[in-house]
């Protein structure tokens, strides 16, 4: 199996896992579908230039912030935070499954996933 296909499969499983947990916690799927692509608002930085665009996009598409918020959501038992964070993670996993990785600052189309053989 090619490495890119294996990575896509991993992210598909992660996406399905996030959908499962969203369902398990009985959150509204209306919100899920309405908010799934909200993290793409981070592309607004590209209006300024590719460096700022990549920075904003990568902040919105890195797993670090959602992982921290997910932990806080579990500790505080915050339903809105858990719901939003699971949607955010699902978005990231869906993007990565489709081959959209973190951006390099020299071009919108150049991502970390493209650097993998």
N, C-alpha and C. Protein backbone atom coordinates (compact mmCIF):
# COMPACT_ATOMS: atom_id res chain seq x y z
N UNK A 1 0.85 -1.18 0.00
CA UNK A 1 0.00 0.00 0.00
C UNK A 1 0.89 1.24 0.00
N UNK A 2 0.56 2.17 -0.86
CA UNK A 2 1.33 3.41 -0.91
C UNK A 2 1.17 4.18 0.39
N UNK A 3 2.21 4.91 0.74
CA UNK A 3 2.20 5.65 2.01
C UNK A 3 1.10 6.69 2.05
N UNK A 4 0.84 7.38 0.94
CA UNK A 4 -0.23 8.40 0.93
C UNK A 4 -1.60 7.78 1.16
N UNK A 5 -1.82 6.60 0.58
CA UNK A 5 -3.10 5.92 0.79
C UNK A 5 -3.23 5.46 2.23
N UNK A 6 -2.13 5.03 2.82
CA UNK A 6 -2.15 4.60 4.20
C UNK A 6 -2.45 5.78 5.12
N UNK A 7 -1.85 6.93 4.83
CA UNK A 7 -2.11 8.14 5.62
C UNK A 7 -3.56 8.56 5.47
N UNK A 8 -4.08 8.52 4.26
CA UNK A 8 -5.49 8.87 4.03
C UNK A 8 -6.41 7.93 4.80
N UNK A 9 -6.07 6.65 4.82
CA UNK A 9 -6.87 5.67 5.56
C UNK A 9 -6.82 5.97 7.07
N UNK A 10 -5.66 6.31 7.57
CA UNK A 10 -5.53 6.67 8.99
C UNK A 10 -6.44 7.85 9.34
N UNK A 11 -6.41 8.88 8.49
CA UNK A 11 -7.24 10.05 8.77
C UNK A 11 -8.72 9.77 8.56
N UNK A 12 -9.06 8.87 7.65
CA UNK A 12 -10.46 8.45 7.51
C UNK A 12 -10.93 7.80 8.80
N UNK A 13 -10.12 6.92 9.36
CA UNK A 13 -10.47 6.26 10.62
C UNK A 13 -10.60 7.29 11.74
N UNK A 14 -9.69 8.26 11.80
CA UNK A 14 -9.76 9.31 12.81
C UNK A 14 -11.03 10.15 12.63
N UNK A 15 -11.37 10.47 11.38
CA UNK A 15 -12.60 11.22 11.10
C UNK A 15 -13.82 10.44 11.56
N UNK A 16 -13.87 9.15 11.20
CA UNK A 16 -15.01 8.32 11.61
C UNK A 16 -15.06 8.19 13.13
N UNK A 17 -13.90 8.14 13.78
CA UNK A 17 -13.85 8.10 15.24
C UNK A 17 -14.43 9.36 15.85
N UNK A 18 -14.11 10.51 15.27
CA UNK A 18 -14.66 11.76 15.80
C UNK A 18 -16.17 11.81 15.58
N UNK A 19 -16.64 11.32 14.44
CA UNK A 19 -18.09 11.26 14.20
C UNK A 19 -18.74 10.32 15.21
N UNK A 20 -18.08 9.20 15.49
CA UNK A 20 -18.62 8.26 16.48
C UNK A 20 -18.76 8.93 17.84
N UNK A 21 -17.71 9.61 18.32
CA UNK A 21 -17.78 10.25 19.63
C UNK A 21 -18.82 11.37 19.65
N UNK A 22 -18.94 12.08 18.55
CA UNK A 22 -19.97 13.11 18.45
C UNK A 22 -21.35 12.48 18.62
N UNK A 23 -21.56 11.36 17.95
CA UNK A 23 -22.82 10.63 18.06
C UNK A 23 -22.99 10.05 19.47
N UNK A 24 -21.94 9.50 20.02
CA UNK A 24 -21.97 8.88 21.36
C UNK A 24 -22.43 9.88 22.42
N UNK A 25 -21.95 11.11 22.32
CA UNK A 25 -22.33 12.14 23.28
C UNK A 25 -23.69 12.77 22.95
N UNK A 26 -24.32 12.28 21.89
CA UNK A 26 -25.67 12.71 21.48
C UNK A 26 -25.74 14.20 21.17
N UNK A 27 -24.70 14.71 20.51
CA UNK A 27 -24.70 16.10 20.08
C UNK A 27 -25.52 16.22 18.80
N UNK A 28 -25.96 17.41 18.51
CA UNK A 28 -26.80 17.67 17.34
C UNK A 28 -25.97 17.59 16.04
N UNK A 29 -26.42 16.74 15.14
CA UNK A 29 -25.73 16.64 13.86
C UNK A 29 -26.02 17.83 12.96
N UNK A 30 -27.05 18.58 13.26
CA UNK A 30 -27.28 19.83 12.54
C UNK A 30 -26.09 20.76 12.77
N UNK A 31 -25.67 20.91 14.03
CA UNK A 31 -24.49 21.73 14.33
C UNK A 31 -23.24 21.15 13.68
N UNK A 32 -23.13 19.84 13.69
CA UNK A 32 -21.96 19.19 13.09
C UNK A 32 -21.80 19.60 11.63
N UNK A 33 -22.88 19.48 10.87
CA UNK A 33 -22.80 19.80 9.44
C UNK A 33 -22.69 21.30 9.18
N UNK A 34 -23.31 22.10 10.04
CA UNK A 34 -23.22 23.55 9.88
C UNK A 34 -21.82 24.09 10.20
N UNK A 35 -21.15 23.47 11.18
CA UNK A 35 -19.87 23.99 11.65
C UNK A 35 -18.64 23.23 11.15
N UNK A 36 -18.85 22.17 10.40
CA UNK A 36 -17.73 21.33 9.97
C UNK A 36 -16.67 22.10 9.19
N UNK A 37 -17.06 23.05 8.39
CA UNK A 37 -16.09 23.78 7.57
C UNK A 37 -15.75 25.16 8.12
N UNK A 38 -16.21 25.46 9.33
CA UNK A 38 -15.91 26.74 9.96
C UNK A 38 -14.40 27.00 10.12
N UNK A 39 -13.56 25.99 10.45
CA UNK A 39 -12.12 26.27 10.56
C UNK A 39 -11.49 26.81 9.28
N UNK A 40 -12.15 26.66 8.15
CA UNK A 40 -11.59 27.18 6.90
C UNK A 40 -11.59 28.71 6.86
N UNK A 41 -12.25 29.34 7.82
CA UNK A 41 -12.20 30.80 7.91
C UNK A 41 -10.77 31.27 8.16
N UNK A 42 -9.91 30.37 8.63
CA UNK A 42 -8.50 30.72 8.86
C UNK A 42 -7.77 31.02 7.56
N UNK A 43 -8.38 30.73 6.42
CA UNK A 43 -7.75 31.05 5.14
C UNK A 43 -7.79 32.55 4.84
N UNK A 44 -8.52 33.30 5.67
CA UNK A 44 -8.62 34.74 5.45
C UNK A 44 -7.25 35.41 5.50
N UNK A 45 -6.29 34.82 6.19
CA UNK A 45 -4.95 35.38 6.25
C UNK A 45 -4.27 35.48 4.90
N UNK A 46 -4.71 34.68 3.94
CA UNK A 46 -4.13 34.73 2.60
C UNK A 46 -4.46 36.02 1.87
N UNK A 47 -5.42 36.78 2.40
CA UNK A 47 -5.71 38.10 1.82
C UNK A 47 -4.50 39.01 2.00
N UNK A 48 -3.80 38.84 3.13
CA UNK A 48 -2.62 39.67 3.41
C UNK A 48 -1.44 39.21 2.56
N UNK A 49 -1.01 37.96 2.76
CA UNK A 49 0.06 37.35 1.96
C UNK A 49 0.17 35.88 2.33
N UNK A 50 1.03 35.14 1.63
CA UNK A 50 1.12 33.70 1.87
C UNK A 50 1.72 33.37 3.23
N UNK A 51 2.60 34.22 3.73
CA UNK A 51 3.22 33.96 5.04
C UNK A 51 2.18 34.05 6.15
N UNK A 52 1.40 35.13 6.17
CA UNK A 52 0.34 35.31 7.17
C UNK A 52 -0.75 34.27 6.96
N UNK A 53 -1.08 34.01 5.71
CA UNK A 53 -2.09 33.01 5.40
C UNK A 53 -1.72 31.64 5.93
N UNK A 54 -0.49 31.23 5.71
CA UNK A 54 -0.04 29.92 6.19
C UNK A 54 -0.05 29.88 7.72
N UNK A 55 0.35 30.96 8.35
CA UNK A 55 0.35 31.02 9.81
C UNK A 55 -1.06 30.84 10.36
N UNK A 56 -2.01 31.62 9.87
CA UNK A 56 -3.40 31.51 10.33
C UNK A 56 -3.97 30.12 10.03
N UNK A 57 -3.75 29.66 8.81
CA UNK A 57 -4.28 28.35 8.41
C UNK A 57 -3.72 27.25 9.31
N UNK A 58 -2.42 27.28 9.55
CA UNK A 58 -1.79 26.24 10.36
C UNK A 58 -2.23 26.28 11.81
N UNK A 59 -2.49 27.46 12.34
CA UNK A 59 -3.02 27.55 13.71
C UNK A 59 -4.40 26.89 13.77
N UNK A 60 -5.21 27.13 12.77
CA UNK A 60 -6.55 26.55 12.74
C UNK A 60 -6.60 25.09 12.36
N UNK A 61 -5.51 24.57 11.81
CA UNK A 61 -5.51 23.18 11.34
C UNK A 61 -4.46 22.31 12.02
N UNK A 62 -3.86 22.81 13.06
CA UNK A 62 -2.94 22.02 13.87
C UNK A 62 -3.76 21.25 14.90
N UNK A 63 -3.28 20.12 15.32
CA UNK A 63 -4.00 19.31 16.31
C UNK A 63 -3.75 19.77 17.75
N UNK A 64 -2.80 20.67 17.95
CA UNK A 64 -2.40 21.06 19.30
C UNK A 64 -3.53 21.76 20.06
N UNK A 65 -4.06 22.83 19.51
CA UNK A 65 -5.10 23.59 20.22
C UNK A 65 -6.35 22.75 20.46
N UNK A 66 -6.88 22.03 19.46
CA UNK A 66 -8.05 21.20 19.74
C UNK A 66 -7.78 20.11 20.78
N UNK A 67 -6.59 19.56 20.81
CA UNK A 67 -6.27 18.53 21.81
C UNK A 67 -6.31 19.13 23.21
N UNK A 68 -5.77 20.33 23.36
CA UNK A 68 -5.80 21.00 24.66
C UNK A 68 -7.25 21.31 25.05
N UNK A 69 -8.02 21.85 24.11
CA UNK A 69 -9.41 22.18 24.40
C UNK A 69 -10.25 20.94 24.69
N UNK A 70 -9.97 19.84 24.02
CA UNK A 70 -10.67 18.59 24.29
C UNK A 70 -10.41 18.14 25.72
N UNK A 71 -9.17 18.23 26.14
CA UNK A 71 -8.81 17.87 27.51
C UNK A 71 -9.54 18.76 28.51
N UNK A 72 -9.53 20.06 28.26
CA UNK A 72 -10.24 21.00 29.14
C UNK A 72 -11.74 20.68 29.14
N UNK A 73 -12.29 20.37 27.98
CA UNK A 73 -13.71 20.03 27.89
C UNK A 73 -14.08 18.81 28.70
N UNK A 74 -13.21 17.80 28.69
CA UNK A 74 -13.47 16.61 29.50
C UNK A 74 -13.34 16.90 30.99
N UNK A 75 -12.32 17.65 31.36
CA UNK A 75 -12.09 17.95 32.78
C UNK A 75 -13.23 18.79 33.35
N UNK A 76 -13.67 19.78 32.59
CA UNK A 76 -14.72 20.68 33.08
C UNK A 76 -16.13 20.21 32.74
N UNK A 77 -16.22 19.11 32.01
CA UNK A 77 -17.50 18.58 31.54
C UNK A 77 -18.31 19.68 30.84
N UNK A 78 -17.65 20.34 29.91
CA UNK A 78 -18.27 21.42 29.15
C UNK A 78 -18.81 20.88 27.82
N UNK A 79 -20.11 20.71 27.75
CA UNK A 79 -20.74 20.19 26.54
C UNK A 79 -20.45 21.04 25.31
N UNK A 80 -20.62 22.37 25.37
CA UNK A 80 -20.34 23.16 24.17
C UNK A 80 -18.88 23.06 23.72
N UNK A 81 -17.96 23.03 24.67
CA UNK A 81 -16.54 22.92 24.31
C UNK A 81 -16.24 21.56 23.70
N UNK A 82 -16.77 20.50 24.27
CA UNK A 82 -16.56 19.16 23.69
C UNK A 82 -17.15 19.08 22.29
N UNK A 83 -18.34 19.59 22.12
CA UNK A 83 -19.00 19.55 20.82
C UNK A 83 -18.17 20.30 19.77
N UNK A 84 -17.78 21.52 20.09
CA UNK A 84 -17.01 22.33 19.15
C UNK A 84 -15.67 21.71 18.83
N UNK A 85 -15.02 21.16 19.84
CA UNK A 85 -13.69 20.58 19.63
C UNK A 85 -13.76 19.32 18.80
N UNK A 86 -14.75 18.49 19.01
CA UNK A 86 -14.90 17.28 18.19
C UNK A 86 -15.17 17.66 16.73
N UNK A 87 -15.99 18.68 16.51
CA UNK A 87 -16.23 19.15 15.14
C UNK A 87 -14.94 19.67 14.53
N UNK A 88 -14.17 20.42 15.32
CA UNK A 88 -12.89 20.97 14.84
C UNK A 88 -11.94 19.84 14.46
N UNK A 89 -11.83 18.84 15.32
CA UNK A 89 -10.97 17.70 15.01
C UNK A 89 -11.46 16.95 13.77
N UNK A 90 -12.77 16.77 13.66
CA UNK A 90 -13.32 16.09 12.48
C UNK A 90 -12.94 16.85 11.21
N UNK A 91 -12.99 18.18 11.27
CA UNK A 91 -12.60 18.99 10.12
C UNK A 91 -11.14 18.76 9.75
N UNK A 92 -10.28 18.77 10.75
CA UNK A 92 -8.85 18.56 10.49
C UNK A 92 -8.62 17.18 9.89
N UNK A 93 -9.25 16.17 10.47
CA UNK A 93 -9.08 14.80 9.95
C UNK A 93 -9.61 14.67 8.52
N UNK A 94 -10.73 15.31 8.23
CA UNK A 94 -11.28 15.28 6.88
C UNK A 94 -10.33 15.95 5.90
N UNK A 95 -9.83 17.12 6.27
CA UNK A 95 -8.86 17.81 5.41
C UNK A 95 -7.65 16.94 5.14
N UNK A 96 -7.10 16.36 6.18
CA UNK A 96 -5.88 15.55 6.01
C UNK A 96 -6.18 14.30 5.19
N UNK A 97 -7.36 13.73 5.38
CA UNK A 97 -7.74 12.55 4.58
C UNK A 97 -7.77 12.91 3.10
N UNK A 98 -8.20 14.14 2.79
CA UNK A 98 -8.28 14.59 1.40
C UNK A 98 -6.95 15.11 0.87
N UNK A 99 -5.92 15.10 1.72
CA UNK A 99 -4.59 15.51 1.28
C UNK A 99 -4.23 16.95 1.57
N UNK A 100 -5.09 17.66 2.29
CA UNK A 100 -4.80 19.05 2.64
C UNK A 100 -4.06 19.08 3.97
N UNK A 101 -2.79 19.35 3.91
CA UNK A 101 -1.99 19.37 5.12
C UNK A 101 -1.69 20.77 5.57
N UNK A 102 -0.80 20.88 6.52
CA UNK A 102 -0.35 22.18 6.99
C UNK A 102 0.40 22.87 5.87
N UNK A 103 0.26 24.17 5.78
CA UNK A 103 0.78 24.94 4.65
C UNK A 103 2.20 25.45 4.91
N UNK A 104 2.99 25.45 3.86
CA UNK A 104 4.27 26.15 3.87
C UNK A 104 3.99 27.59 3.47
N UNK A 105 4.84 28.51 3.91
CA UNK A 105 4.52 29.92 3.68
C UNK A 105 4.91 30.45 2.30
N UNK A 106 5.42 29.60 1.43
CA UNK A 106 5.79 30.09 0.10
C UNK A 106 4.71 29.86 -0.95
N UNK A 107 3.72 28.99 -0.67
CA UNK A 107 2.63 28.78 -1.62
C UNK A 107 1.46 28.08 -0.93
N UNK A 108 0.24 28.50 -1.26
CA UNK A 108 -0.95 27.92 -0.66
C UNK A 108 -1.06 26.42 -0.93
N UNK A 109 -0.63 26.01 -2.11
CA UNK A 109 -0.80 24.62 -2.52
C UNK A 109 0.29 23.69 -1.99
N UNK A 110 1.33 24.23 -1.38
CA UNK A 110 2.42 23.40 -0.87
C UNK A 110 2.14 23.03 0.59
N UNK A 111 1.95 21.71 0.83
CA UNK A 111 1.61 21.25 2.18
C UNK A 111 2.59 20.20 2.67
N UNK A 112 2.54 19.96 3.97
CA UNK A 112 3.44 18.96 4.55
C UNK A 112 3.13 17.55 4.05
N UNK A 113 1.89 17.29 3.69
CA UNK A 113 1.56 15.95 3.21
C UNK A 113 2.11 15.68 1.82
N UNK A 114 2.33 16.73 1.05
CA UNK A 114 2.92 16.55 -0.28
C UNK A 114 4.39 16.16 -0.20
N UNK A 115 5.02 16.43 0.92
CA UNK A 115 6.44 16.12 1.06
C UNK A 115 6.66 14.64 1.38
N UNK A 116 5.59 13.93 1.68
CA UNK A 116 5.69 12.51 1.97
C UNK A 116 5.67 11.73 0.67
N UNK A 117 6.56 10.79 0.55
CA UNK A 117 6.70 10.04 -0.71
C UNK A 117 5.42 9.35 -1.12
